[in-house]
Protein backbone atom coordinates (compact mmCIF):
# COMPACT_ATOMS: atom_id res chain seq x y z
CA MET A 1 33.63 11.48 -14.22
CA ASN A 2 33.35 12.07 -10.50
CA GLU A 3 30.54 14.63 -11.12
CA GLU A 4 28.85 12.00 -13.44
CA LEU A 5 29.03 9.56 -10.40
CA GLU A 6 27.81 11.68 -7.61
CA ALA A 7 25.17 12.80 -9.79
CA GLN A 8 24.16 8.76 -10.71
CA ALA A 9 24.65 8.48 -6.81
CA ASN A 10 21.92 11.26 -5.65
CA TYR A 11 19.67 9.71 -8.44
CA TYR A 12 19.84 6.22 -6.82
CA GLN A 13 19.06 7.76 -3.46
CA TYR A 14 16.00 9.24 -4.72
CA LEU A 15 14.90 6.21 -6.34
CA LEU A 16 15.48 4.66 -3.04
CA GLU A 17 13.60 7.30 -1.39
CA LYS A 18 10.59 7.13 -3.46
CA THR A 19 10.62 3.52 -3.67
CA ASN A 20 10.34 3.45 -0.05
CA GLU A 21 7.56 6.03 0.25
CA GLN A 22 5.47 3.50 -1.89
CA ILE A 23 6.46 0.61 0.13
CA VAL A 24 5.35 2.23 3.27
CA GLU A 25 1.96 3.71 1.50
CA LEU A 26 1.11 0.00 -0.10
CA GLN A 27 1.47 -1.39 3.46
CA LYS A 28 -1.11 0.93 4.94
CA ILE A 29 -3.28 0.06 2.24
CA LEU A 30 -2.81 -3.40 2.83
CA ASN A 31 -3.11 -2.95 6.56
CA GLU A 32 -6.93 -1.16 5.94
CA ASN A 33 -7.94 -4.03 3.45
CA ASN A 34 -7.08 -6.72 6.28
CA GLU A 35 -8.71 -4.68 8.88
CA THR A 36 -11.89 -4.27 6.81
CA ILE A 37 -11.87 -8.13 5.89
CA GLU A 38 -11.59 -8.75 9.78
CA PHE A 39 -14.52 -6.09 10.72
CA LEU A 40 -16.49 -8.08 7.65
CA LYS A 41 -16.16 -11.64 9.43
CA LYS A 42 -17.85 -10.12 12.53
CA ILE A 43 -20.39 -8.19 11.21
CA GLN A 44 -23.24 -10.27 12.69
CA GLU A 45 -22.19 -8.96 16.15
CA PHE A 46 -23.32 -5.22 15.34
CA ASN A 47 -26.82 -4.10 15.16
CA SER A 48 -26.00 0.00 14.73
CA GLY A 49 -22.84 2.10 14.36
CA LEU A 50 -21.26 5.12 13.06
CA LEU A 51 -20.92 6.11 9.35
CA GLU A 52 -18.07 8.53 8.62
CA ILE A 53 -19.32 11.06 6.08
CA GLY A 54 -15.94 12.74 6.26
CA VAL A 55 -13.61 15.39 7.95
CA GLY A 56 -14.63 13.47 11.63
CA VAL A 57 -18.25 13.84 10.87
CA MET A 58 -20.28 10.59 11.64
CA LEU A 59 -24.02 9.62 11.32
CA LYS A 60 -25.34 7.07 13.59
CA THR A 61 -26.66 4.21 11.90
CA GLN A 62 -29.62 2.46 13.36
CA LYS A 63 -29.82 -0.68 11.67
CA ILE A 64 -26.47 -2.37 9.51
CA ASP A 65 -27.23 -4.32 6.52
CA LYS A 66 -25.69 -7.39 7.03
CA GLU A 67 -26.21 -9.39 3.98
CA LYS A 68 -24.55 -6.55 1.26
CA VAL A 69 -21.88 -4.31 0.93
CA LEU A 70 -20.70 -1.36 -1.42
CA ILE A 71 -17.25 -2.54 -2.88
CA PRO A 72 -15.19 -0.04 -4.88
CA VAL A 73 -13.81 -1.87 -8.37
CA GLY A 74 -12.51 1.03 -9.87
CA ALA A 75 -13.08 4.35 -11.49
CA GLY A 76 -15.15 5.32 -9.11
CA ILE A 77 -17.62 2.52 -9.48
CA MET A 78 -18.98 0.81 -6.62
CA VAL A 79 -20.76 -2.69 -6.94
CA GLU A 80 -23.15 -4.37 -4.63
CA LYS A 81 -21.87 -7.57 -3.35
CA THR A 82 -22.23 -10.08 -0.37
CA ILE A 83 -20.20 -10.32 2.76
CA ASP A 84 -18.63 -13.38 1.42
CA GLU A 85 -18.15 -12.09 -2.09
CA ALA A 86 -16.49 -8.95 -0.55
CA VAL A 87 -14.39 -10.62 1.53
CA LYS A 88 -13.03 -12.80 -1.39
CA THR A 89 -12.22 -9.10 -3.22
CA LEU A 90 -10.56 -7.93 -0.21
CA ASN A 91 -8.54 -11.27 0.19
CA ASP A 92 -7.68 -11.14 -3.39
CA ARG A 93 -6.64 -7.46 -3.59
CA ALA A 94 -4.64 -8.52 -0.40
CA VAL A 95 -2.52 -10.89 -2.31
CA GLN A 96 -2.00 -8.17 -5.15
CA TYR A 97 -0.74 -5.28 -2.56
CA ALA A 98 1.50 -8.06 -1.00
CA ASN A 99 2.96 -9.15 -4.46
CA ASN A 100 3.45 -5.44 -4.91
CA ILE A 101 5.32 -4.74 -2.02
CA ARG A 102 7.55 -7.65 -2.62
CA GLN A 103 8.62 -6.64 -6.05
CA LEU A 104 9.03 -2.89 -4.75
CA GLN A 105 11.10 -4.31 -1.70
CA GLN A 106 13.02 -6.25 -4.63
CA SER A 107 13.34 -3.10 -6.39
CA PHE A 108 14.39 -1.36 -3.55
CA SER A 109 17.29 -3.94 -2.91
CA THR A 110 18.37 -3.92 -6.63
CA ILE A 111 18.79 -0.03 -6.31
CA ASN A 112 20.33 0.09 -3.39
CA ASN A 113 23.25 -2.36 -4.69
CA GLN A 114 23.85 -0.07 -7.72
CA LEU A 115 24.06 2.70 -4.84
CA GLU A 116 26.58 0.88 -3.09
CA LYS A 117 28.75 -0.29 -6.12
CA THR A 118 28.27 3.58 -7.19
CA SER A 119 29.80 4.56 -4.08
CA GLU A 120 32.73 2.10 -4.03
CA LYS A 121 33.83 4.09 -7.65
CA ILE A 122 33.27 7.44 -5.93
CA LYS A 123 35.79 6.77 -2.83
CA LYS A 124 38.15 4.71 -5.19
CA GLY A 125 38.42 8.17 -7.63
CA GLU A 126 38.88 10.18 -4.52
CA MET A 127 41.75 7.57 -3.14
CA GLN A 128 43.63 7.63 -6.78
């Protein structure tokens, strides 16, 4: 019985670690999303810039299109949107990311409670 409980506790610990990793990753995505929104709101202030093309390599841009941007919509597809439309899309995504983080935090709490209960059972088994 104790071996089963220990295996269960180990599984809960594994789930906690994986859930925490998901929370951290989603938080990074949410932060990047919010930084992009702030940049788009200030895009009128910029006339030129740098475009990252990969592994730290940048191209200097002479002119920035301040009217439209390409935004990913899934499956590798990009859609051209106005700045206002892009900001709205990113705000909608921010809400979804925040909801997903909240759900993961609730799952984390539930799993942690189960781990605590299982740990208590293991301790009680050792005392008997």
